[in-house]
Amino acid sequence: MSVVFFSITALVIFGLLFLFHRKMALQMQYLQIKAGKKVGTLKSFLFFDWKDIKERNLRAEAFLLFPMLYAVPIEEDEKGEVLELKQKIKRSHVGIYFCLILFIVLGILSEKVIPA
């Protein structure tokens, strides 16, 4: 039983990491569209030249763009690509909240699986 519990916990943790990476990469794409630059891929968020200060600042700004506790502002006059990115970011927020809830439930169930 404990092997299954630890497997599910590991899956939830990896899911959280994946969703946070997806959220930050989508936010970086949003910034690139707003700046009129070429949009990179999702994995380009992690793989870049760390010595380039502009690239690091772009990723830091993307990391802090849409906080989790506030709604993502969607305006009616936005283009399709920007609107689609914002909707994906909102879905990532919902997925992160779902994984956090699962993580809390697993923490509660850990007392039954592994008694102290």
PDB file of N, CA and C in Angstrom:
ATOM      1  N   MET A   1       0.822  -1.199   0.000  1.00  0.00           N
ATOM      2  CA  MET A   1       0.000   0.000   0.000  1.00  0.00           C
ATOM      3  C   MET A   1       0.863   1.259   0.000  1.00  0.00           C
ATOM      4  N   SER A   2       1.980   1.209   0.738  1.00  0.00           N
ATOM      5  CA  SER A   2       2.815   2.404   0.816  1.00  0.00           C
ATOM      6  C   SER A   2       3.520   2.685  -0.511  1.00  0.00           C
ATOM      7  N   VAL A   3       3.801   1.642  -1.307  1.00  0.00           N
ATOM      8  CA  VAL A   3       4.429   1.850  -2.618  1.00  0.00           C
ATOM      9  C   VAL A   3       3.476   2.609  -3.536  1.00  0.00           C
ATOM     10  N   VAL A   4       2.205   2.242  -3.499  1.00  0.00           N
ATOM     11  CA  VAL A   4       1.202   2.933  -4.310  1.00  0.00           C
ATOM     12  C   VAL A   4       1.062   4.381  -3.840  1.00  0.00           C
ATOM     13  N   PHE A   5       1.055   4.571  -2.537  1.00  0.00           N
ATOM     14  CA  PHE A   5       0.932   5.920  -1.977  1.00  0.00           C
ATOM     15  C   PHE A   5       2.094   6.806  -2.418  1.00  0.00           C
ATOM     16  N   PHE A   6       3.323   6.285  -2.306  1.00  0.00           N
ATOM     17  CA  PHE A   6       4.487   7.076  -2.704  1.00  0.00           C
ATOM     18  C   PHE A   6       4.515   7.317  -4.212  1.00  0.00           C
ATOM     19  N   SER A   7       4.015   6.368  -4.989  1.00  0.00           N
ATOM     20  CA  SER A   7       3.946   6.552  -6.446  1.00  0.00           C
ATOM     21  C   SER A   7       2.978   7.671  -6.803  1.00  0.00           C
ATOM     22  N   ILE A   8       1.823   7.662  -6.173  1.00  0.00           N
ATOM     23  CA  ILE A   8       0.832   8.711  -6.443  1.00  0.00           C
ATOM     24  C   ILE A   8       1.367  10.069  -5.992  1.00  0.00           C
ATOM     25  N   THR A   9       2.022  10.104  -4.839  1.00  0.00           N
ATOM     26  CA  THR A   9       2.602  11.357  -4.352  1.00  0.00           C
ATOM     27  C   THR A   9       3.662  11.879  -5.318  1.00  0.00           C
ATOM     28  N   ALA A  10       4.504  10.993  -5.827  1.00  0.00           N
ATOM     29  CA  ALA A  10       5.534  11.401  -6.788  1.00  0.00           C
ATOM     30  C   ALA A  10       4.899  11.922  -8.073  1.00  0.00           C
ATOM     31  N   LEU A  11       3.831  11.277  -8.532  1.00  0.00           N
ATOM     32  CA  LEU A  11       3.133  11.746  -9.735  1.00  0.00           C
ATOM     33  C   LEU A  11       2.541  13.139  -9.528  1.00  0.00           C
ATOM     34  N   VAL A  12       1.977  13.376  -8.359  1.00  0.00           N
ATOM     35  CA  VAL A  12       1.407  14.696  -8.069  1.00  0.00           C
ATOM     36  C   VAL A  12       2.507  15.754  -8.037  1.00  0.00           C
ATOM     37  N   ILE A  13       3.650  15.426  -7.445  1.00  0.00           N
ATOM     38  CA  ILE A  13       4.761  16.387  -7.390  1.00  0.00           C
ATOM     39  C   ILE A  13       5.286  16.683  -8.792  1.00  0.00           C
ATOM     40  N   PHE A  14       5.468  15.642  -9.612  1.00  0.00           N
ATOM     41  CA  PHE A  14       5.922  15.868 -10.989  1.00  0.00           C
ATOM     42  C   PHE A  14       4.878  16.631 -11.795  1.00  0.00           C
ATOM     43  N   GLY A  15       3.610  16.372 -11.519  1.00  0.00           N
ATOM     44  CA  GLY A  15       2.548  17.124 -12.180  1.00  0.00           C
ATOM     45  C   GLY A  15       2.601  18.600 -11.827  1.00  0.00           C
ATOM     46  N   LEU A  16       2.852  18.896 -10.553  1.00  0.00           N
ATOM     47  CA  LEU A  16       2.995  20.293 -10.126  1.00  0.00           C
ATOM     48  C   LEU A  16       4.172  20.966 -10.827  1.00  0.00           C
ATOM     49  N   LEU A  17       5.300  20.277 -10.874  1.00  0.00           N
ATOM     50  CA  LEU A  17       6.475  20.846 -11.542  1.00  0.00           C
ATOM     51  C   LEU A  17       6.209  21.092 -13.020  1.00  0.00           C
ATOM     52  N   PHE A  18       5.550  20.132 -13.674  1.00  0.00           N
ATOM     53  CA  PHE A  18       5.226  20.293 -15.094  1.00  0.00           C
ATOM     54  C   PHE A  18       4.287  21.475 -15.309  1.00  0.00           C
ATOM     55  N   LEU A  19       3.255  21.583 -14.475  1.00  0.00           N
ATOM     56  CA  LEU A  19       2.292  22.671 -14.640  1.00  0.00           C
ATOM     57  C   LEU A  19       2.914  24.037 -14.368  1.00  0.00           C
ATOM     58  N   PHE A  20       3.816  24.121 -13.381  1.00  0.00           N
ATOM     59  CA  PHE A  20       4.497  25.393 -13.137  1.00  0.00           C
ATOM     60  C   PHE A  20       5.388  25.767 -14.315  1.00  0.00           C
ATOM     61  N   HIS A  21       6.088  24.776 -14.876  1.00  0.00           N
ATOM     62  CA  HIS A  21       6.917  25.054 -16.056  1.00  0.00           C
ATOM     63  C   HIS A  21       6.047  25.508 -17.219  1.00  0.00           C
ATOM     64  N   ARG A  22       4.929  24.834 -17.442  1.00  0.00           N
ATOM     65  CA  ARG A  22       4.020  25.195 -18.540  1.00  0.00           C
ATOM     66  C   ARG A  22       3.489  26.613 -18.347  1.00  0.00           C
ATOM     67  N   LYS A  23       3.104  26.932 -17.122  1.00  0.00           N
ATOM     68  CA  LYS A  23       2.576  28.268 -16.812  1.00  0.00           C
ATOM     69  C   LYS A  23       3.617  29.343 -17.103  1.00  0.00           C
ATOM     70  N   MET A  24       4.837  29.140 -16.648  1.00  0.00           N
ATOM     71  CA  MET A  24       5.878  30.144 -16.859  1.00  0.00           C
ATOM     72  C   MET A  24       6.249  30.265 -18.335  1.00  0.00           C
ATOM     73  N   ALA A  25       6.283  29.143 -19.051  1.00  0.00           N
ATOM     74  CA  ALA A  25       6.613  29.186 -20.476  1.00  0.00           C
ATOM     75  C   ALA A  25       5.511  29.888 -21.269  1.00  0.00           C
ATOM     76  N   LEU A  26       4.255  29.647 -20.916  1.00  0.00           N
ATOM     77  CA  LEU A  26       3.153  30.338 -21.590  1.00  0.00           C
ATOM     78  C   LEU A  26       3.197  31.836 -21.307  1.00  0.00           C
ATOM     79  N   GLN A  27       3.554  32.199 -20.086  1.00  0.00           N
ATOM     80  CA  GLN A  27       3.665  33.617 -19.751  1.00  0.00           C
ATOM     81  C   GLN A  27       4.816  34.266 -20.517  1.00  0.00           C
ATOM     82  N   MET A  28       5.899  33.518 -20.744  1.00  0.00           N
ATOM     83  CA  MET A  28       6.997  34.052 -21.542  1.00  0.00           C
ATOM     84  C   MET A  28       6.552  34.250 -22.995  1.00  0.00           C
ATOM     85  N   GLN A  29       5.772  33.311 -23.516  1.00  0.00           N
ATOM     86  CA  GLN A  29       5.240  33.468 -24.873  1.00  0.00           C
ATOM     87  C   GLN A  29       4.333  34.689 -24.954  1.00  0.00           C
ATOM     88  N   TYR A  30       3.551  34.917 -23.923  1.00  0.00           N
ATOM     89  CA  TYR A  30       2.677  36.091 -23.878  1.00  0.00           C
ATOM     90  C   TYR A  30       3.507  37.373 -23.950  1.00  0.00           C
ATOM     91  N   LEU A  31       4.586  37.427 -23.177  1.00  0.00           N
ATOM     92  CA  LEU A  31       5.456  38.606 -23.206  1.00  0.00           C
ATOM     93  C   LEU A  31       6.101  38.790 -24.578  1.00  0.00           C
ATOM     94  N   GLN A  32       6.466  37.682 -25.218  1.00  0.00           N
ATOM     95  CA  GLN A  32       7.075  37.771 -26.543  1.00  0.00           C
ATOM     96  C   GLN A  32       6.077  38.292 -27.568  1.00  0.00           C
ATOM     97  N   ILE A  33       4.829  37.882 -27.475  1.00  0.00           N
ATOM     98  CA  ILE A  33       3.798  38.377 -28.394  1.00  0.00           C
ATOM     99  C   ILE A  33       3.564  39.863 -28.156  1.00  0.00           C
ATOM    100  N   LYS A  34       3.473  40.254 -26.881  1.00  0.00           N
ATOM    101  CA  LYS A  34       3.249  41.666 -26.562  1.00  0.00           C
ATOM    102  C   LYS A  34       4.398  42.552 -27.051  1.00  0.00           C
ATOM    103  N   ALA A  35       5.627  42.009 -27.054  1.00  0.00           N
ATOM    104  CA  ALA A  35       6.789  42.779 -27.506  1.00  0.00           C
ATOM    105  C   ALA A  35       6.976  42.701 -29.018  1.00  0.00           C
ATOM    106  N   GLY A  36       6.166  41.886 -29.695  1.00  0.00           N
ATOM    107  CA  GLY A  36       6.273  41.752 -31.140  1.00  0.00           C
ATOM    108  C   GLY A  36       7.447  40.894 -31.583  1.00  0.00           C
ATOM    109  N   LYS A  37       7.933  40.025 -30.705  1.00  0.00           N
ATOM    110  CA  LYS A  37       9.057  39.148 -31.028  1.00  0.00           C
ATOM    111  C   LYS A  37       8.546  37.795 -31.504  1.00  0.00           C
ATOM    112  N   LYS A  38       9.477  36.987 -32.002  1.00  0.00           N
ATOM    113  CA  LYS A  38       9.159  35.621 -32.416  1.00  0.00           C
ATOM    114  C   LYS A  38       8.874  34.784 -31.166  1.00  0.00           C
ATOM    115  N   VAL A  39       7.802  34.020 -31.217  1.00  0.00           N
ATOM    116  CA  VAL A  39       7.386  33.217 -30.062  1.00  0.00           C
ATOM    117  C   VAL A  39       8.202  31.933 -30.023  1.00  0.00           C
ATOM    118  N   GLY A  40       8.784  31.646 -28.853  1.00  0.00           N
ATOM    119  CA  GLY A  40       9.565  30.431 -28.675  1.00  0.00           C
ATOM    120  C   GLY A  40       8.692  29.257 -28.265  1.00  0.00           C
ATOM    121  N   THR A  41       9.314  28.095 -28.144  1.00  0.00           N
ATOM    122  CA  THR A  41       8.596  26.893 -27.731  1.00  0.00           C
ATOM    123  C   THR A  41       8.510  26.844 -26.205  1.00  0.00           C
ATOM    124  N   LEU A  42       7.751  25.876 -25.706  1.00  0.00           N
ATOM    125  CA  LEU A  42       7.615  25.747 -24.255  1.00  0.00           C
ATOM    126  C   LEU A  42       8.928  25.328 -23.604  1.00  0.00           C
ATOM    127  N   LYS A  43       9.707  24.490 -24.289  1.00  0.00           N
ATOM    128  CA  LYS A  43      10.960  24.054 -23.674  1.00  0.00           C
ATOM    129  C   LYS A  43      12.055  25.107 -23.769  1.00  0.00           C
ATOM    130  N   SER A  44      11.856  26.133 -24.584  1.00  0.00           N
ATOM    131  CA  SER A  44      12.858  27.199 -24.666  1.00  0.00           C
ATOM    132  C   SER A  44      12.895  28.029 -23.386  1.00  0.00           C
ATOM    133  N   PHE A  45      11.901  27.848 -22.513  1.00  0.00           N
ATOM    134  CA  PHE A  45      11.914  28.559 -21.234  1.00  0.00           C
ATOM    135  C   PHE A  45      13.073  28.083 -20.365  1.00  0.00           C
ATOM    136  N   LEU A  46      13.378  26.786 -20.409  1.00  0.00           N
ATOM    137  CA  LEU A  46      14.443  26.234 -19.578  1.00  0.00           C
ATOM    138  C   LEU A  46      15.807  26.267 -20.248  1.00  0.00           C
ATOM    139  N   PHE A  47      15.836  26.024 -21.555  1.00  0.00           N
ATOM    140  CA  PHE A  47      17.106  25.885 -22.263  1.00  0.00           C
ATOM    141  C   PHE A  47      17.451  27.178 -22.988  1.00  0.00           C
ATOM    142  N   PHE A  48      18.312  27.964 -22.372  1.00  0.00           N
ATOM    143  CA  PHE A  48      18.748  29.231 -22.946  1.00  0.00           C
ATOM    144  C   PHE A  48      20.129  29.558 -22.389  1.00  0.00           C
ATOM    145  N   ASP A  49      20.745  30.610 -22.899  1.00  0.00           N
ATOM    146  CA  ASP A  49      22.065  31.035 -22.451  1.00  0.00           C
ATOM    147  C   ASP A  49      21.925  31.813 -21.145  1.00  0.00           C
ATOM    148  N   TRP A  50      22.353  31.216 -20.041  1.00  0.00           N
ATOM    149  CA  TRP A  50      22.212  31.838 -18.727  1.00  0.00           C
ATOM    150  C   TRP A  50      23.080  33.079 -18.570  1.00  0.00           C
ATOM    151  N   LYS A  51      24.049  33.265 -19.461  1.00  0.00           N
ATOM    152  CA  LYS A  51      24.920  34.438 -19.367  1.00  0.00           C
ATOM    153  C   LYS A  51      24.270  35.679 -19.962  1.00  0.00           C
ATOM    154  N   ASP A  52      23.237  35.485 -20.770  1.00  0.00           N
ATOM    155  CA  ASP A  52      22.547  36.604 -21.412  1.00  0.00           C
ATOM    156  C   ASP A  52      21.581  37.240 -20.410  1.00  0.00           C
ATOM    157  N   ILE A  53      21.858  38.467 -20.018  1.00  0.00           N
ATOM    158  CA  ILE A  53      21.063  39.139 -18.982  1.00  0.00           C
ATOM    159  C   ILE A  53      19.644  39.423 -19.466  1.00  0.00           C
ATOM    160  N   LYS A  54      19.478  39.762 -20.741  1.00  0.00           N
ATOM    161  CA  LYS A  54      18.140  40.035 -21.271  1.00  0.00           C
ATOM    162  C   LYS A  54      17.257  38.795 -21.194  1.00  0.00           C
ATOM    163  N   GLU A  55      17.820  37.647 -21.532  1.00  0.00           N
ATOM    164  CA  GLU A  55      17.050  36.399 -21.473  1.00  0.00           C
ATOM    165  C   GLU A  55      16.669  36.053 -20.034  1.00  0.00           C
ATOM    166  N   ARG A  56      17.589  36.236 -19.111  1.00  0.00           N
ATOM    167  CA  ARG A  56      17.276  35.963 -17.700  1.00  0.00           C
ATOM    168  C   ARG A  56      16.210  36.908 -17.181  1.00  0.00           C
ATOM    169  N   ASN A  57      16.294  38.184 -17.552  1.00  0.00           N
ATOM    170  CA  ASN A  57      15.289  39.156 -17.109  1.00  0.00           C
ATOM    171  C   ASN A  57      13.919  38.852 -17.704  1.00  0.00           C
ATOM    172  N   LEU A  58      13.896  38.388 -18.963  1.00  0.00           N
ATOM    173  CA  LEU A  58      12.628  38.011 -19.589  1.00  0.00           C
ATOM    174  C   LEU A  58      11.981  36.861 -18.828  1.00  0.00           C
ATOM    175  N   ARG A  59      12.772  35.884 -18.438  1.00  0.00           N
ATOM    176  CA  ARG A  59      12.229  34.740 -17.701  1.00  0.00           C
ATOM    177  C   ARG A  59      11.792  35.135 -16.292  1.00  0.00           C
ATOM    178  N   ALA A  60      12.518  36.036 -15.666  1.00  0.00           N
ATOM    179  CA  ALA A  60      12.113  36.518 -14.339  1.00  0.00           C
ATOM    180  C   ALA A  60      10.803  37.291 -14.429  1.00  0.00           C
ATOM    181  N   GLU A  61      10.657  38.102 -15.467  1.00  0.00           N
ATOM    182  CA  GLU A  61       9.407  38.843 -15.658  1.00  0.00           C
ATOM    183  C   GLU A  61       8.253  37.892 -15.971  1.00  0.00           C
ATOM    184  N   ALA A  62       8.529  36.860 -16.778  1.00  0.00           N
ATOM    185  CA  ALA A  62       7.495  35.876 -17.102  1.00  0.00           C
ATOM    186  C   ALA A  62       7.084  35.095 -15.861  1.00  0.00           C
ATOM    187  N   PHE A  63       8.034  34.815 -14.983  1.00  0.00           N
ATOM    188  CA  PHE A  63       7.739  34.078 -13.756  1.00  0.00           C
ATOM    189  C   PHE A  63       6.763  34.842 -12.870  1.00  0.00           C
ATOM    190  N   LEU A  64       6.864  36.166 -12.867  1.00  0.00           N
ATOM    191  CA  LEU A  64       6.045  36.991 -11.979  1.00  0.00           C
ATOM    192  C   LEU A  64       4.848  37.643 -12.671  1.00  0.00           C
ATOM    193  N   LEU A  65       4.556  37.279 -13.907  1.00  0.00           N
ATOM    194  CA  LEU A  65       3.564  38.010 -14.690  1.00  0.00           C
ATOM    195  C   LEU A  65       2.141  37.885 -14.140  1.00  0.00           C
ATOM    196  N   PHE A  66       1.598  36.683 -14.081  1.00  0.00           N
ATOM    197  CA  PHE A  66       0.225  36.477 -13.607  1.00  0.00           C
ATOM    198  C   PHE A  66       0.276  35.684 -12.301  1.00  0.00           C
ATOM    199  N   PRO A  67       0.106  36.348 -11.143  1.00  0.00           N
ATOM    200  CA  PRO A  67       0.139  35.628  -9.867  1.00  0.00           C
ATOM    201  C   PRO A  67      -1.019  34.634  -9.761  1.00  0.00           C
ATOM    202  N   MET A  68      -0.796  33.596  -8.980  1.00  0.00           N
ATOM    203  CA  MET A  68      -1.792  32.532  -8.849  1.00  0.00           C
ATOM    204  C   MET A  68      -3.056  32.999  -8.125  1.00  0.00           C
ATOM    205  N   LEU A  69      -2.926  33.914  -7.193  1.00  0.00           N
ATOM    206  CA  LEU A  69      -4.077  34.302  -6.380  1.00  0.00           C
ATOM    207  C   LEU A  69      -5.003  35.302  -7.055  1.00  0.00           C
ATOM    208  N   TYR A  70      -4.580  35.853  -8.184  1.00  0.00           N
ATOM    209  CA  TYR A  70      -5.394  36.845  -8.881  1.00  0.00           C
ATOM    210  C   TYR A  70      -5.864  36.277 -10.214  1.00  0.00           C
ATOM    211  N   ALA A  71      -6.998  36.741 -10.650  1.00  0.00           N
ATOM    212  CA  ALA A  71      -7.536  36.274 -11.929  1.00  0.00           C
ATOM    213  C   ALA A  71      -6.702  36.826 -13.081  1.00  0.00           C
ATOM    214  N   VAL A  72      -6.619  36.052 -14.151  1.00  0.00           N
ATOM    215  CA  VAL A  72      -5.934  36.509 -15.361  1.00  0.00           C
ATOM    216  C   VAL A  72      -6.901  37.431 -16.096  1.00  0.00           C
ATOM    217  N   PRO A  73      -6.523  38.698 -16.304  1.00  0.00           N
ATOM    218  CA  PRO A  73      -7.458  39.631 -16.965  1.00  0.00           C
ATOM    219  C   PRO A  73      -7.627  39.301 -18.445  1.00  0.00           C
ATOM    220  N   ILE A  74      -8.850  39.033 -18.835  1.00  0.00           N
ATOM    221  CA  ILE A  74      -9.165  38.756 -20.240  1.00  0.00           C
ATOM    222  C   ILE A  74     -10.066  39.874 -20.735  1.00  0.00           C
ATOM    223  N   GLU A  75      -9.608  40.563 -21.775  1.00  0.00           N
ATOM    224  CA  GLU A  75     -10.371  41.664 -22.353  1.00  0.00           C
ATOM    225  C   GLU A  75     -10.980  41.212 -23.670  1.00  0.00           C
ATOM    226  N   GLU A  76     -12.109  41.788 -24.015  1.00  0.00           N
ATOM    227  CA  GLU A  76     -12.851  41.348 -25.193  1.00  0.00           C
ATOM    228  C   GLU A  76     -12.175  41.713 -26.505  1.00  0.00           C
ATOM    229  N   ASP A  77     -11.357  42.753 -26.518  1.00  0.00           N
ATOM    230  CA  ASP A  77     -10.763  43.211 -27.772  1.00  0.00           C
ATOM    231  C   ASP A  77      -9.398  42.584 -28.069  1.00  0.00           C
ATOM    232  N   GLU A  78      -9.018  41.531 -27.346  1.00  0.00           N
ATOM    233  CA  GLU A  78      -7.719  40.900 -27.556  1.00  0.00           C
ATOM    234  C   GLU A  78      -7.738  39.987 -28.775  1.00  0.00           C
ATOM    235  N   LYS A  79      -6.548  39.839 -29.388  1.00  0.00           N
ATOM    236  CA  LYS A  79      -6.411  38.963 -30.545  1.00  0.00           C
ATOM    237  C   LYS A  79      -6.588  37.506 -30.126  1.00  0.00           C
ATOM    238  N   GLY A  80      -6.802  36.647 -31.100  1.00  0.00           N
ATOM    239  CA  GLY A  80      -7.042  35.239 -30.824  1.00  0.00           C
ATOM    240  C   GLY A  80      -5.882  34.538 -30.149  1.00  0.00           C
ATOM    241  N   GLU A  81      -4.652  34.842 -30.576  1.00  0.00           N
ATOM    242  CA  GLU A  81      -3.493  34.160 -30.015  1.00  0.00           C
ATOM    243  C   GLU A  81      -3.256  34.557 -28.557  1.00  0.00           C
ATOM    244  N   VAL A  82      -3.426  35.831 -28.259  1.00  0.00           N
ATOM    245  CA  VAL A  82      -3.256  36.313 -26.880  1.00  0.00           C
ATOM    246  C   VAL A  82      -4.354  35.744 -25.991  1.00  0.00           C
ATOM    247  N   LEU A  83      -5.567  35.743 -26.491  1.00  0.00           N
ATOM    248  CA  LEU A  83      -6.693  35.188 -25.738  1.00  0.00           C
ATOM    249  C   LEU A  83      -6.486  33.700 -25.459  1.00  0.00           C
ATOM    250  N   GLU A  84      -5.999  32.978 -26.465  1.00  0.00           N
ATOM    251  CA  GLU A  84      -5.744  31.545 -26.304  1.00  0.00           C
ATOM    252  C   GLU A  84      -4.655  31.295 -25.256  1.00  0.00           C
ATOM    253  N   LEU A  85      -3.604  32.104 -25.271  1.00  0.00           N
ATOM    254  CA  LEU A  85      -2.543  31.958 -24.267  1.00  0.00           C
ATOM    255  C   LEU A  85      -3.064  32.229 -22.859  1.00  0.00           C
ATOM    256  N   LYS A  86      -3.872  33.261 -22.708  1.00  0.00           N
ATOM    257  CA  LYS A  86      -4.418  33.572 -21.385  1.00  0.00           C
ATOM    258  C   LYS A  86      -5.328  32.450 -20.886  1.00  0.00           C
ATOM    259  N   GLN A  87      -6.096  31.851 -21.789  1.00  0.00           N
ATOM    260  CA  GLN A  87      -6.952  30.735 -21.381  1.00  0.00           C
ATOM    261  C   GLN A  87      -6.114  29.525 -20.971  1.00  0.00           C
ATOM    262  N   LYS A  88      -5.008  29.281 -21.677  1.00  0.00           N
ATOM    263  CA  LYS A  88      -4.119  28.179 -21.291  1.00  0.00           C
ATOM    264  C   LYS A  88      -3.485  28.445 -19.930  1.00  0.00           C
ATOM    265  N   ILE A  89      -3.134  29.697 -19.670  1.00  0.00           N
ATOM    266  CA  ILE A  89      -2.557  30.054 -18.369  1.00  0.00           C
ATOM    267  C   ILE A  89      -3.589  29.834 -17.265  1.00  0.00           C
ATOM    268  N   LYS A  90      -4.840  30.211 -17.524  1.00  0.00           N
ATOM    269  CA  LYS A  90      -5.902  29.986 -16.531  1.00  0.00           C
ATOM    270  C   LYS A  90      -6.096  28.497 -16.266  1.00  0.00           C
ATOM    271  N   ARG A  91      -6.054  27.683 -17.333  1.00  0.00           N
ATOM    272  CA  ARG A  91      -6.185  26.231 -17.151  1.00  0.00           C
ATOM    273  C   ARG A  91      -5.011  25.671 -16.359  1.00  0.00           C
ATOM    274  N   SER A  92      -3.833  26.222 -16.575  1.00  0.00           N
ATOM    275  CA  SER A  92      -2.669  25.794 -15.790  1.00  0.00           C
ATOM    276  C   SER A  92      -2.862  26.136 -14.320  1.00  0.00           C
ATOM    277  N   HIS A  93      -3.425  27.310 -14.029  1.00  0.00           N
ATOM    278  CA  HIS A  93      -3.710  27.691 -12.644  1.00  0.00           C
ATOM    279  C   HIS A  93      -4.675  26.697 -12.006  1.00  0.00           C
ATOM    280  N   VAL A  94      -5.716  26.329 -12.737  1.00  0.00           N
ATOM    281  CA  VAL A  94      -6.693  25.372 -12.205  1.00  0.00           C
ATOM    282  C   VAL A  94      -6.022  24.026 -11.954  1.00  0.00           C
ATOM    283  N   GLY A  95      -5.179  23.588 -12.867  1.00  0.00           N
ATOM    284  CA  GLY A  95      -4.455  22.332 -12.686  1.00  0.00           C
ATOM    285  C   GLY A  95      -3.529  22.368 -11.483  1.00  0.00           C
ATOM    286  N   ILE A  96      -2.859  23.496 -11.277  1.00  0.00           N
ATOM    287  CA  ILE A  96      -1.966  23.637 -10.122  1.00  0.00           C
ATOM    288  C   ILE A  96      -2.775  23.592  -8.828  1.00  0.00           C
ATOM    289  N   TYR A  97      -3.916  24.284  -8.799  1.00  0.00           N
ATOM    290  CA  TYR A  97      -4.776  24.232  -7.609  1.00  0.00           C
ATOM    291  C   TYR A  97      -5.254  22.804  -7.342  1.00  0.00           C
ATOM    292  N   PHE A  98      -5.628  22.084  -8.393  1.00  0.00           N
ATOM    293  CA  PHE A  98      -6.085  20.702  -8.243  1.00  0.00           C
ATOM    294  C   PHE A  98      -4.964  19.830  -7.675  1.00  0.00           C
ATOM    295  N   CYS A  99      -3.751  19.980  -8.187  1.00  0.00           N
ATOM    296  CA  CYS A  99      -2.620  19.199  -7.676  1.00  0.00           C
ATOM    297  C   CYS A  99      -2.310  19.552  -6.224  1.00  0.00           C
ATOM    298  N   LEU A 100      -2.435  20.828  -5.869  1.00  0.00           N
ATOM    299  CA  LEU A 100      -2.206  21.220  -4.478  1.00  0.00           C
ATOM    300  C   LEU A 100      -3.244  20.604  -3.548  1.00  0.00           C
ATOM    301  N   ILE A 101      -4.495  20.562  -3.999  1.00  0.00           N
ATOM    302  CA  ILE A 101      -5.547  19.924  -3.197  1.00  0.00           C
ATOM    303  C   ILE A 101      -5.249  18.441  -3.031  1.00  0.00           C
ATOM    304  N   LEU A 102      -4.843  17.784  -4.129  1.00  0.00           N
ATOM    305  CA  LEU A 102      -4.474  16.365  -4.039  1.00  0.00           C
ATOM    306  C   LEU A 102      -3.300  16.160  -3.082  1.00  0.00           C
ATOM    307  N   PHE A 103      -2.336  17.060  -3.126  1.00  0.00           N
ATOM    308  CA  PHE A 103      -1.173  16.957  -2.256  1.00  0.00           C
ATOM    309  C   PHE A 103      -1.578  17.083  -0.785  1.00  0.00           C
ATOM    310  N   ILE A 104      -2.515  17.973  -0.482  1.00  0.00           N
ATOM    311  CA  ILE A 104      -3.009  18.120   0.892  1.00  0.00           C
ATOM    312  C   ILE A 104      -3.758  16.863   1.328  1.00  0.00           C
ATOM    313  N   VAL A 105      -4.591  16.323   0.446  1.00  0.00           N
ATOM    314  CA  VAL A 105      -5.323  15.090   0.765  1.00  0.00           C
ATOM    315  C   VAL A 105      -4.350  13.939   0.992  1.00  0.00           C
ATOM    316  N   LEU A 106      -3.310  13.852   0.162  1.00  0.00           N
ATOM    317  CA  LEU A 106      -2.307  12.802   0.358  1.00  0.00           C
ATOM    318  C   LEU A 106      -1.565  12.989   1.679  1.00  0.00           C
ATOM    319  N   GLY A 107      -1.345  14.226   2.077  1.00  0.00           N
ATOM    320  CA  GLY A 107      -0.720  14.478   3.374  1.00  0.00           C
ATOM    321  C   GLY A 107      -1.593  14.004   4.522  1.00  0.00           C
ATOM    322  N   ILE A 108      -2.893  14.178   4.386  1.00  0.00           N
ATOM    323  CA  ILE A 108      -3.827  13.711   5.417  1.00  0.00           C
ATOM    324  C   ILE A 108      -3.877  12.184   5.434  1.00  0.00           C
ATOM    325  N   LEU A 109      -3.899  11.580   4.247  1.00  0.00           N
ATOM    326  CA  LEU A 109      -3.957  10.120   4.168  1.00  0.00           C
ATOM    327  C   LEU A 109      -2.647   9.451   4.559  1.00  0.00           C
ATOM    328  N   SER A 110      -1.568  10.190   4.571  1.00  0.00           N
ATOM    329  CA  SER A 110      -0.274   9.587   4.912  1.00  0.00           C
ATOM    330  C   SER A 110      -0.265   9.052   6.342  1.00  0.00           C
ATOM    331  N   GLU A 111      -1.065   9.632   7.207  1.00  0.00           N
ATOM    332  CA  GLU A 111      -1.134   9.152   8.586  1.00  0.00           C
ATOM    333  C   GLU A 111      -1.759   7.759   8.648  1.00  0.00           C
ATOM    334  N   LYS A 112      -2.681   7.461   7.744  1.00  0.00           N
ATOM    335  CA  LYS A 112      -3.299   6.133   7.734  1.00  0.00           C
ATOM    336  C   LYS A 112      -2.404   5.108   7.046  1.00  0.00           C
ATOM    337  N   VAL A 113      -1.683   5.550   6.009  1.00  0.00           N
ATOM    338  CA  VAL A 113      -0.827   4.625   5.264  1.00  0.00           C
ATOM    339  C   VAL A 113       0.438   4.309   6.052  1.00  0.00           C
ATOM    340  N   ILE A 114       1.047   5.336   6.627  1.00  0.00           N
ATOM    341  CA  ILE A 114       2.285   5.170   7.392  1.00  0.00           C
ATOM    342  C   ILE A 114       2.035   5.703   8.803  1.00  0.00           C
ATOM    343  N   PRO A 115       1.550   4.863   9.710  1.00  0.00           N
ATOM    344  CA  PRO A 115       1.260   5.340  11.068  1.00  0.00           C
ATOM    345  C   PRO A 115       2.542   5.767  11.790  1.00  0.00           C
ATOM    346  N   ALA A 116       2.397   6.776  12.619  1.00  0.00           N
ATOM    347  CA  ALA A 116       3.570   7.312  13.342  1.00  0.00           C
ATOM    348  C   ALA A 116       4.003   6.438  14.477  1.00  0.00           C
TER     349      ALA A 116
END
